Amino acid sequence: MSYQVTLNSRNVLIPLSLEDHQGERMNGSLSKLDTATAMVIQVSSTGGFTQDFIPLRIRMEGSRGYEGGEWELWVQKASASLHSYYIGIPDRFFAADAEGRPPRSLSVQVVGTSPLSGREDFTGGVDVTLLAQMAPPLIPGFMNLGARFFPALLPHNFIERHVLDVFEFGGRRQPVLMAALQMDPADRVPVSLEKHWEPKNWIQAVVENLAPPAEGREAGYFAIKGGCFYGRNRKISHWFGGDIGLEDAGFRQAATEKIRSMGQSGNGAWVFWLEPQGKAADAESLLKDPEALARRRIAIRHPMMHRLLRHRGAAPAQAEASPLADLPAGEAVSALSSMARIFIAHQDVLQRASAEPSHADWSERPNPVAEAVMALEGRLPAANPQEPGLPGGLESDIRELYRAHGETLRALETVFDETYGYSAWDAVGNPMRDRISEYLVDKASDVRAPA
C-alpha cells in the first residue's frame, strides 16, 4: 500500500491492512494483550536514510482523536464483524530536520506478537511518499476530505446518461430524474448498487450539479423525495418515498407510463422524484436547453449533506458531553455545514475536477482546472479568476473554511472511518457521528430549506 502526504500534515492516520501468520487478511479486533512493533525506514531528500524499531501503542475504539505525538496502531469497529486498522504517524516525521532538509518518504512495516507464544502473529506495511509543503487549500485535498464526510452514493462515472422531465399527477407537477447506470469496471462499485442497500436511504440524498450555479453565494440544488428502480427488463421495483404520491390511486400506473417514455439503458436506472432546494432553478427552465442539461455531470451524495445544508448555523461552541475533548457537536456541525455549502456553491468546477482520472495527471495535461490548481500551489502565475472555466471564488472559500474550521475538520477526520465505497455515516460504533446526528435531529426539526 502507498500513500501521499504533504509535509505540513498533522494527526495523520493511514489505513493499514493486516495479515495473520497464515497470510489471511484480518478484519477482527486485537486482544488487549497483543503487542506490535514498527520498523520505520525514513529516506531524506538527499538520499540518506535511517532505520528504527519503534514499539506501537495499540488503541482500541479510542474516544479521543489521534494527537500525533507517538506511533500508534488504531483498531476501529466498522460493524459487528468488521474492524479497520490505522497507523498513526507522529507529526515530527512530516517536518524538515534541524538543517532544514525535508524527508522524502517513510516505509513502515508492522509486526504483531502473540501474547501466548511470543511468535509473529500479524504483519502489515505501508509506504508514505512525502510531497512538498504547500499551503492549504489544495483542491484535491479538499475533495478527498469532502469524500470522507459526503460520499457519493452514485458517482458521475456510474451514470451513463441522465434525463430530467416533469411528471403531473393529482394536480401536482414534480420534477423527475432518471439516472441510467453504466458501471465502469475499473472503479469500486458504490454501496448504492449493492443488494444490501435499502432504497429508502436515498431519501434526502443530494443531486449535485443538475442545475447551473445560481447568482450569489448560496446556490441551489435538488434533493430526492422518493423514487424507484427501472430494470433492464422494463420492470419497475423498489418504490420508496411517501411524499411523491404513492398513496394516491393510479399513481404507480401513471408513473410507470412516464418512466417508460423516458427510456433507459445500461444496467438499469434509478428514477427519482425531486424537490428543489435554495435557489435551484425550476425544472421547466432547465428543460428549455436539453443539450446543456445532458452535458452536465451529476452525482448523488449522501443525505447527510442535505441535513447539514438545511441547518441554518450551529449553536455557539459550549461545554457539552463530547467524545473529543474541546469539540462540541455544535462546532462540528458548523464546520461540516460550511464544507457542504462550498460543494453546492461550486458544483460545476468540482465535478469537472473529480472527472480527472487521477490528481497526479493534473500537472501533465493542459486544461483550465489543472492550471487553476497549479496556480493555487504556486507553480504557475495566478490566473484571472473571472476567466471562464476557472474556480473563481473557490480558492478564497476553501481558505476561509480552513481558517475558521481547519482544526475541527482535522479532529473529525481522525475519528471518521475511511469510506472505501460505503458511507462513514452509516457505520456503527462511532460516538462522534452519533452525537452529530442527534444534534441535527434535535436542532433541524423546525428548520426549513432556504428560500
Protein backbone atom coordinates (compact mmCIF):
# COMPACT_ATOMS: atom_id res chain seq x y z
CA MET A 1 0.00 0.00 0.00
CA SER A 2 1.22 3.50 -0.80
CA TYR A 3 0.00 6.94 0.27
CA GLN A 4 0.99 10.51 -0.47
CA VAL A 5 1.09 13.02 2.36
CA THR A 6 2.16 16.68 2.36
CA LEU A 7 4.92 17.79 4.69
CA ASN A 8 2.71 20.17 6.64
CA SER A 9 0.36 17.36 7.68
CA ARG A 10 -0.58 16.66 11.25
CA ASN A 11 -2.51 13.97 13.12
CA VAL A 12 -2.02 11.51 10.27
CA LEU A 13 -3.88 8.18 10.49
CA ILE A 14 -3.25 5.97 7.45
CA PRO A 15 -5.35 2.85 6.72
CA LEU A 16 -3.39 -0.35 7.12
CA SER A 17 -4.10 -3.93 6.01
CA LEU A 18 -3.01 -6.65 8.42
CA GLU A 19 -2.44 -10.31 7.64
CA ASP A 20 -2.26 -13.15 10.13
CA HIS A 21 0.55 -15.69 10.30
CA GLN A 22 -1.27 -17.82 7.70
CA GLY A 23 -1.33 -14.97 5.18
CA GLU A 24 -5.08 -14.33 5.51
CA ARG A 25 -6.34 -10.77 5.71
CA MET A 26 -7.55 -9.84 9.19
CA ASN A 27 -10.78 -8.00 9.91
CA GLY A 28 -11.32 -8.74 13.59
CA SER A 29 -10.34 -6.95 16.76
CA LEU A 30 -7.00 -7.38 18.53
CA SER A 31 -6.70 -8.63 22.07
CA LYS A 32 -5.64 -6.38 24.91
CA LEU A 33 -2.50 -8.48 25.32
CA ASP A 34 -1.26 -8.05 21.74
CA THR A 35 1.91 -6.04 21.22
CA ALA A 36 3.24 -4.57 17.99
CA THR A 37 6.46 -3.05 16.71
CA ALA A 38 7.04 -0.86 13.65
CA MET A 39 10.21 -0.93 11.60
CA VAL A 40 10.45 2.60 10.16
CA ILE A 41 12.80 3.49 7.32
CA GLN A 42 13.00 7.23 6.74
CA VAL A 43 14.58 8.48 3.49
CA SER A 44 15.69 12.13 3.32
CA SER A 45 15.66 14.39 0.28
CA THR A 46 19.44 13.94 -0.03
CA GLY A 47 19.15 10.16 -0.31
CA GLY A 48 20.28 9.25 3.20
CA PHE A 49 18.12 7.00 5.35
CA THR A 50 17.64 5.89 8.92
CA GLN A 51 16.07 2.73 10.29
CA ASP A 52 14.39 2.44 13.68
CA PHE A 53 12.36 -0.18 15.55
CA ILE A 54 9.56 1.52 17.46
CA PRO A 55 7.04 -0.08 19.85
CA LEU A 56 3.45 0.78 18.93
CA ARG A 57 0.71 1.74 21.34
CA ILE A 58 -2.44 -0.16 20.38
CA ARG A 59 -5.63 1.91 20.66
CA MET A 60 -8.98 0.11 20.69
CA GLU A 61 -12.03 2.28 19.94
CA GLY A 62 -10.35 5.45 21.15
CA SER A 63 -12.76 8.15 22.30
CA ARG A 64 -10.25 10.91 21.52
CA GLY A 65 -8.76 11.81 18.16
CA TYR A 66 -5.19 10.87 17.31
CA GLU A 67 -2.99 13.59 18.76
CA GLY A 68 0.07 13.00 16.58
CA GLY A 69 2.52 12.60 19.45
CA GLU A 70 3.59 8.97 19.30
CA TRP A 71 3.41 5.97 17.00
CA GLU A 72 0.06 4.21 17.47
CA LEU A 73 -1.85 1.29 15.93
CA TRP A 74 -5.59 2.01 15.89
CA VAL A 75 -8.37 -0.56 15.72
CA GLN A 76 -11.76 0.89 14.71
CA LYS A 77 -15.00 -1.09 14.68
CA ALA A 78 -16.89 -0.60 11.40
CA SER A 79 -19.56 -3.26 12.02
CA ALA A 80 -20.15 -6.27 14.22
CA SER A 81 -17.69 -8.41 12.25
CA LEU A 82 -15.51 -5.81 10.53
CA HIS A 83 -12.67 -3.79 12.03
CA SER A 84 -10.37 -1.31 10.30
CA TYR A 85 -6.73 -0.71 11.22
CA TYR A 86 -4.80 2.54 11.03
CA ILE A 87 -1.21 3.51 11.71
CA GLY A 88 -0.73 6.85 13.46
CA ILE A 89 2.42 8.64 12.33
CA PRO A 90 3.77 11.34 14.68
CA ASP A 91 3.77 14.93 13.47
CA ARG A 92 7.57 15.23 13.77
CA PHE A 93 8.05 12.87 10.83
CA PHE A 94 6.43 15.43 8.50
CA ALA A 95 8.91 18.21 9.24
CA ALA A 96 12.36 19.12 7.98
CA ASP A 97 15.37 18.17 10.10
CA ALA A 98 17.49 20.60 12.11
CA GLU A 99 19.40 21.60 8.97
CA GLY A 100 16.23 22.31 7.01
CA ARG A 101 16.36 19.18 4.84
CA PRO A 102 12.88 17.74 4.22
CA PRO A 103 12.26 13.99 4.33
CA ARG A 104 11.28 12.24 1.12
CA SER A 105 9.48 9.08 2.20
CA LEU A 106 8.68 6.70 5.03
CA SER A 107 8.41 2.94 4.85
CA VAL A 108 6.60 1.35 7.79
CA GLN A 109 6.44 -2.40 8.46
CA VAL A 110 4.28 -3.50 11.40
CA VAL A 111 4.84 -6.83 13.18
CA GLY A 112 2.50 -8.04 15.91
CA THR A 113 3.49 -10.57 18.53
CA SER A 114 1.26 -13.24 20.03
CA PRO A 115 0.72 -12.76 23.77
CA LEU A 116 0.83 -16.54 24.34
CA SER A 117 3.59 -17.92 22.14
CA GLY A 118 5.62 -14.77 21.52
CA ARG A 119 5.76 -15.60 17.80
CA GLU A 120 4.94 -13.30 14.91
CA ASP A 121 1.13 -13.11 14.86
CA PHE A 122 0.28 -10.47 12.24
CA THR A 123 2.05 -8.17 9.80
CA GLY A 124 1.28 -5.15 7.64
CA GLY A 125 3.08 -2.38 5.84
CA VAL A 126 2.67 0.94 4.12
CA ASP A 127 4.87 3.28 2.09
CA VAL A 128 4.34 7.02 2.54
CA THR A 129 5.61 9.48 -0.07
CA LEU A 130 6.03 12.98 1.28
CA LEU A 131 5.14 15.82 -1.08
CA ALA A 132 6.43 19.37 -0.94
CA GLN A 133 4.97 21.52 1.80
CA MET A 134 2.10 23.53 0.41
CA ALA A 135 -0.24 25.99 2.00
CA PRO A 136 -3.88 24.91 2.02
CA PRO A 137 -6.13 24.68 0.25
CA LEU A 138 -5.24 22.11 -2.34
CA ILE A 139 -8.35 21.29 -4.32
CA PRO A 140 -7.54 17.54 -4.38
CA GLY A 141 -7.13 17.60 -0.60
CA PHE A 142 -10.43 19.41 -0.16
CA MET A 143 -12.18 16.92 -2.44
CA ASN A 144 -10.70 13.96 -0.59
CA LEU A 145 -11.84 15.45 2.70
CA GLY A 146 -15.30 16.05 1.25
CA ALA A 147 -15.50 12.45 0.04
CA ARG A 148 -14.91 11.34 3.62
CA PHE A 149 -17.82 13.35 5.03
CA PHE A 150 -20.13 13.49 1.98
CA PRO A 151 -19.53 10.30 -0.03
CA ALA A 152 -21.11 9.97 -3.45
CA LEU A 153 -23.75 7.25 -3.35
CA LEU A 154 -23.88 7.38 -7.14
CA PRO A 155 -20.71 8.93 -8.66
CA HIS A 156 -20.80 10.67 -12.02
CA ASN A 157 -18.79 7.92 -13.74
CA PHE A 158 -21.51 5.36 -12.88
CA ILE A 159 -24.19 7.40 -14.66
CA GLU A 160 -24.27 6.70 -18.38
CA ARG A 161 -26.84 9.41 -19.01
CA HIS A 162 -29.49 11.34 -17.13
CA VAL A 163 -32.87 12.67 -18.22
CA LEU A 164 -34.95 15.30 -16.47
CA ASP A 165 -38.69 15.59 -17.03
CA VAL A 166 -41.83 16.84 -15.29
CA PHE A 167 -44.49 14.45 -14.00
CA GLU A 168 -48.03 15.72 -13.48
CA PHE A 169 -50.47 13.80 -11.34
CA GLY A 170 -53.26 14.75 -8.99
CA GLY A 171 -52.91 18.44 -9.78
CA ARG A 172 -49.20 18.49 -8.86
CA ARG A 173 -46.21 18.92 -11.15
CA GLN A 174 -42.99 17.36 -9.91
CA PRO A 175 -39.53 17.11 -11.50
CA VAL A 176 -38.42 13.55 -12.18
CA LEU A 177 -34.83 12.49 -12.84
CA MET A 178 -33.73 9.25 -14.49
CA ALA A 179 -30.11 8.24 -13.89
CA ALA A 180 -29.26 5.36 -16.21
CA LEU A 181 -26.41 3.24 -14.86
CA GLN A 182 -23.32 2.15 -16.74
CA MET A 183 -20.78 0.73 -14.33
CA ASP A 184 -17.11 1.37 -15.03
CA PRO A 185 -15.39 -1.98 -14.35
CA ALA A 186 -12.23 -0.15 -13.26
CA ASP A 187 -13.99 1.52 -10.33
CA ARG A 188 -15.15 0.23 -6.99
CA VAL A 189 -18.88 -0.44 -7.01
CA PRO A 190 -20.65 2.04 -4.72
CA VAL A 191 -22.77 0.58 -1.98
CA SER A 192 -25.87 2.06 -3.61
CA LEU A 193 -25.61 -0.56 -6.37
CA GLU A 194 -25.24 -3.47 -3.93
CA LYS A 195 -28.19 -5.63 -2.90
CA HIS A 196 -27.95 -4.79 0.79
CA TRP A 197 -28.65 -1.08 0.22
CA GLU A 198 -32.13 -0.07 1.36
CA PRO A 199 -33.84 2.10 -1.32
CA LYS A 200 -35.38 4.27 1.40
CA ASN A 201 -31.87 5.51 2.26
CA TRP A 202 -31.90 7.52 -0.98
CA ILE A 203 -34.44 9.86 0.62
CA GLN A 204 -33.00 13.40 1.02
CA ALA A 205 -29.86 12.48 -0.93
CA VAL A 206 -28.46 15.48 -2.83
CA VAL A 207 -28.44 15.62 -6.63
CA GLU A 208 -25.29 17.59 -7.28
CA ASN A 209 -24.76 19.81 -10.33
CA LEU A 210 -28.11 19.19 -12.02
CA ALA A 211 -28.90 22.91 -12.06
CA PRO A 212 -26.44 25.63 -13.15
CA PRO A 213 -24.97 27.73 -10.32
CA ALA A 214 -27.27 30.47 -9.16
CA GLU A 215 -26.14 34.02 -8.68
CA GLY A 216 -24.98 34.90 -5.20
CA ARG A 217 -23.28 32.89 -2.51
CA GLU A 218 -25.96 30.29 -1.94
CA ALA A 219 -26.53 28.09 -4.96
CA GLY A 220 -29.48 25.77 -5.28
CA TYR A 221 -29.70 22.02 -5.63
CA PHE A 222 -32.25 19.20 -5.72
CA ALA A 223 -32.97 16.64 -3.01
CA ILE A 224 -34.61 13.25 -3.54
CA LYS A 225 -38.14 12.78 -2.19
CA GLY A 226 -38.72 9.25 -3.44
CA GLY A 227 -38.41 7.05 -6.48
CA CYS A 228 -37.99 3.54 -7.83
CA PHE A 229 -35.68 1.35 -9.90
CA TYR A 230 -36.28 0.69 -13.60
CA GLY A 231 -34.67 -2.61 -14.59
CA ARG A 232 -33.24 -3.71 -17.89
CA ASN A 233 -36.30 -5.96 -18.27
CA ARG A 234 -38.54 -2.83 -18.29
CA LYS A 235 -39.93 -3.75 -14.89
CA ILE A 236 -40.20 -1.20 -12.08
CA SER A 237 -39.44 -2.12 -8.48
CA HIS A 238 -38.08 -0.77 -5.18
CA TRP A 239 -40.63 2.03 -4.81
CA PHE A 240 -39.80 4.33 -1.91
CA GLY A 241 -40.81 7.72 -0.53
CA GLY A 242 -44.18 8.58 0.95
CA ASP A 243 -44.30 12.17 -0.30
CA ILE A 244 -44.37 11.58 -4.05
CA GLY A 245 -47.92 10.27 -4.47
CA LEU A 246 -47.63 6.56 -3.69
CA GLU A 247 -50.74 6.84 -1.54
CA ASP A 248 -52.84 8.08 -4.49
CA ALA A 249 -54.80 5.57 -6.56
CA GLY A 250 -53.39 5.23 -10.04
CA PHE A 251 -50.07 6.89 -9.20
CA ARG A 252 -47.87 3.90 -10.00
CA GLN A 253 -49.64 3.24 -13.29
CA ALA A 254 -49.26 6.85 -14.41
CA ALA A 255 -45.67 6.97 -13.18
CA THR A 256 -44.82 3.72 -14.97
CA GLU A 257 -46.01 5.16 -18.29
CA LYS A 258 -43.94 8.31 -17.74
CA ILE A 259 -40.82 6.31 -16.79
CA ARG A 260 -41.02 4.06 -19.83
CA SER A 261 -41.42 7.08 -22.08
CA MET A 262 -38.16 8.49 -20.71
CA GLY A 263 -36.21 5.47 -21.95
CA GLN A 264 -33.48 3.52 -20.19
CA SER A 265 -30.10 1.94 -20.93
CA GLY A 266 -27.02 0.50 -19.28
CA ASN A 267 -27.54 -1.62 -16.16
CA GLY A 268 -30.96 -0.24 -15.32
CA ALA A 269 -31.84 3.19 -13.98
CA TRP A 270 -32.78 4.86 -10.73
CA VAL A 271 -35.75 7.20 -11.12
CA PHE A 272 -36.00 9.99 -8.55
CA TRP A 273 -38.79 12.44 -7.69
CA LEU A 274 -37.02 15.68 -6.81
CA GLU A 275 -37.60 18.64 -4.55
CA PRO A 276 -35.80 21.94 -5.35
CA GLN A 277 -33.78 23.49 -2.52
CA GLY A 278 -32.49 27.01 -2.10
CA LYS A 279 -32.13 28.86 -5.39
CA ALA A 280 -32.47 25.81 -7.58
CA ALA A 281 -33.96 26.61 -10.97
CA ASP A 282 -37.37 25.14 -11.74
CA ALA A 283 -37.42 22.07 -13.95
CA GLU A 284 -39.23 23.83 -16.80
CA SER A 285 -36.39 26.32 -17.22
CA LEU A 286 -33.80 23.54 -17.28
CA LEU A 287 -35.77 21.64 -19.92
CA LYS A 288 -35.54 24.60 -22.31
CA ASP A 289 -31.93 23.62 -23.08
CA PRO A 290 -31.87 19.79 -23.04
CA GLU A 291 -28.41 19.60 -24.67
CA ALA A 292 -26.81 21.70 -21.93
CA LEU A 293 -28.66 19.67 -19.32
CA ALA A 294 -27.39 16.38 -20.76
CA ARG A 295 -23.76 17.64 -20.76
CA ARG A 296 -23.74 18.42 -17.04
CA ARG A 297 -22.00 15.84 -14.87
CA ILE A 298 -24.18 14.93 -11.92
CA ALA A 299 -23.65 12.84 -8.80
CA ILE A 300 -25.85 11.73 -5.92
CA ARG A 301 -24.39 12.48 -2.49
CA HIS A 302 -25.26 11.16 0.94
CA PRO A 303 -28.38 12.60 2.68
CA MET A 304 -26.17 13.98 5.45
CA MET A 305 -25.17 16.78 3.07
CA HIS A 306 -28.83 17.85 2.76
CA ARG A 307 -29.32 17.72 6.51
CA LEU A 308 -26.30 19.96 7.04
CA LEU A 309 -27.27 22.36 4.26
CA ARG A 310 -30.70 22.77 5.87
CA HIS A 311 -29.10 23.51 9.20
CA ARG A 312 -29.00 27.30 9.37
CA GLY A 313 -25.97 27.64 11.63
CA ALA A 314 -24.84 25.79 14.72
CA ALA A 315 -25.10 26.77 18.35
CA PRO A 316 -22.05 28.50 19.84
CA ALA A 317 -19.27 26.19 20.97
CA GLN A 318 -20.23 25.38 24.53
CA ALA A 319 -19.27 22.85 27.16
CA GLU A 320 -21.18 19.67 26.45
CA ALA A 321 -20.54 15.95 26.51
CA SER A 322 -18.35 15.06 23.55
CA PRO A 323 -16.12 12.10 22.69
CA LEU A 324 -13.49 14.64 21.51
CA ALA A 325 -12.04 16.99 24.07
CA ASP A 326 -12.99 20.63 23.48
CA LEU A 327 -15.07 19.78 20.40
CA PRO A 328 -18.81 20.23 20.96
CA ALA A 329 -21.17 18.81 18.37
CA GLY A 330 -22.25 22.38 17.51
CA GLU A 331 -18.76 23.27 16.29
CA ALA A 332 -18.57 20.03 14.29
CA VAL A 333 -21.91 20.79 12.63
CA SER A 334 -20.79 24.34 11.82
CA ALA A 335 -17.60 23.08 10.14
CA LEU A 336 -19.39 20.39 8.12
CA SER A 337 -22.17 22.78 7.10
CA SER A 338 -19.59 25.25 5.79
CA MET A 339 -17.94 22.49 3.76
CA ALA A 340 -21.30 21.37 2.33
CA ARG A 341 -22.11 24.93 1.23
CA ILE A 342 -18.82 25.14 -0.68
CA PHE A 343 -19.66 21.93 -2.54
CA ILE A 344 -23.02 23.33 -3.58
CA ALA A 345 -21.71 26.83 -4.43
CA HIS A 346 -19.04 25.36 -6.76
CA GLN A 347 -20.78 22.24 -8.06
CA ASP A 348 -19.70 22.51 -11.67
CA VAL A 349 -15.97 23.10 -11.23
CA LEU A 350 -15.66 20.43 -8.54
CA GLN A 351 -17.48 17.90 -10.72
CA ARG A 352 -15.13 18.68 -13.61
CA ALA A 353 -12.16 18.32 -11.29
CA SER A 354 -13.38 14.97 -9.99
CA ALA A 355 -13.67 13.70 -13.58
CA GLU A 356 -9.88 13.68 -13.89
CA PRO A 357 -8.70 10.04 -13.78
CA SER A 358 -6.02 10.88 -11.24
CA HIS A 359 -5.00 14.00 -9.40
CA ALA A 360 -1.43 13.25 -10.44
CA ASP A 361 -2.48 13.78 -14.06
CA TRP A 362 -3.46 17.38 -13.41
CA SER A 363 0.09 18.60 -13.87
CA GLU A 364 0.55 16.58 -17.07
CA ARG A 365 -2.45 17.62 -19.15
CA PRO A 366 -3.27 21.23 -20.01
CA ASN A 367 -6.80 22.12 -19.01
CA PRO A 368 -8.37 25.03 -17.13
CA VAL A 369 -8.91 23.15 -13.89
CA ALA A 370 -5.34 21.82 -13.86
CA GLU A 371 -3.92 25.29 -14.49
CA ALA A 372 -6.05 26.74 -11.71
CA VAL A 373 -4.89 24.11 -9.21
CA MET A 374 -1.25 24.62 -10.22
CA ALA A 375 -1.72 28.34 -9.70
CA LEU A 376 -3.02 27.69 -6.19
CA GLU A 377 0.09 25.65 -5.49
CA GLY A 378 2.37 28.44 -6.69
CA ARG A 379 3.67 26.56 -9.73
CA LEU A 380 2.03 28.91 -12.24
CA PRO A 381 1.21 32.61 -12.23
CA ALA A 382 -2.20 33.19 -10.71
CA ALA A 383 -4.90 33.01 -13.35
CA ASN A 384 -7.60 35.59 -13.85
CA PRO A 385 -10.42 34.46 -11.51
CA GLN A 386 -13.00 35.87 -13.91
CA GLU A 387 -11.79 33.76 -16.81
CA PRO A 388 -14.38 31.12 -17.82
CA GLY A 389 -13.72 27.62 -16.51
CA LEU A 390 -11.58 28.66 -13.53
CA PRO A 391 -12.65 28.15 -9.92
CA GLY A 392 -13.09 31.86 -9.22
CA GLY A 393 -14.15 32.20 -5.60
CA LEU A 394 -13.42 28.55 -4.82
CA GLU A 395 -9.90 29.33 -3.61
CA SER A 396 -10.98 32.02 -1.16
CA ASP A 397 -13.91 29.93 0.08
CA ILE A 398 -11.70 26.94 0.91
CA ARG A 399 -9.09 29.15 2.54
CA GLU A 400 -11.75 30.71 4.74
CA LEU A 401 -13.09 27.24 5.61
CA TYR A 402 -9.65 26.07 6.74
CA ARG A 403 -9.01 29.30 8.60
CA ALA A 404 -12.25 29.06 10.55
CA HIS A 405 -12.63 25.29 10.92
CA GLY A 406 -9.33 23.65 9.97
CA GLU A 407 -8.60 22.24 13.40
CA THR A 408 -12.14 20.93 13.77
CA LEU A 409 -12.03 19.16 10.40
CA ARG A 410 -8.67 17.58 11.24
CA ALA A 411 -10.06 16.34 14.54
CA LEU A 412 -13.19 14.95 12.89
CA GLU A 413 -11.17 13.23 10.19
CA THR A 414 -9.30 11.20 12.78
CA VAL A 415 -12.49 9.64 14.14
CA PHE A 416 -14.25 9.00 10.81
CA ASP A 417 -13.72 5.67 9.10
CA GLU A 418 -12.37 5.50 5.57
CA THR A 419 -15.36 5.21 3.22
CA TYR A 420 -13.97 2.74 0.65
CA GLY A 421 -17.29 2.84 -1.17
CA TYR A 422 -19.55 2.93 1.87
CA SER A 423 -20.63 5.83 3.98
CA ALA A 424 -18.99 6.53 7.30
CA TRP A 425 -22.32 7.97 8.48
CA ASP A 426 -23.93 4.56 8.14
CA ALA A 427 -21.27 2.63 10.05
CA VAL A 428 -21.93 1.85 13.70
CA GLY A 429 -19.98 2.34 16.87
CA ASN A 430 -18.61 5.84 16.33
CA PRO A 431 -19.84 8.09 19.16
CA MET A 432 -18.89 11.36 17.42
CA ARG A 433 -21.02 10.55 14.36
CA ASP A 434 -23.90 9.57 16.62
CA ARG A 435 -23.53 12.83 18.54
CA ILE A 436 -23.62 14.92 15.35
CA SER A 437 -26.66 13.03 14.04
CA GLU A 438 -28.52 13.53 17.30
CA TYR A 439 -27.64 17.22 17.29
CA LEU A 440 -29.06 17.66 13.79
CA VAL A 441 -32.26 15.80 14.62
CA ASP A 442 -32.80 17.98 17.68
CA LYS A 443 -31.91 21.29 16.06
CA ALA A 444 -33.16 20.91 12.49
CA SER A 445 -36.69 19.70 13.17
CA ASP A 446 -38.14 23.19 12.79
CA VAL A 447 -35.71 24.41 10.13
CA ARG A 448 -36.93 24.80 6.58
CA ALA A 449 -34.86 24.72 3.45
CA PRO A 450 -33.54 28.16 2.46
CA ALA A 451 -35.89 30.13 0.27
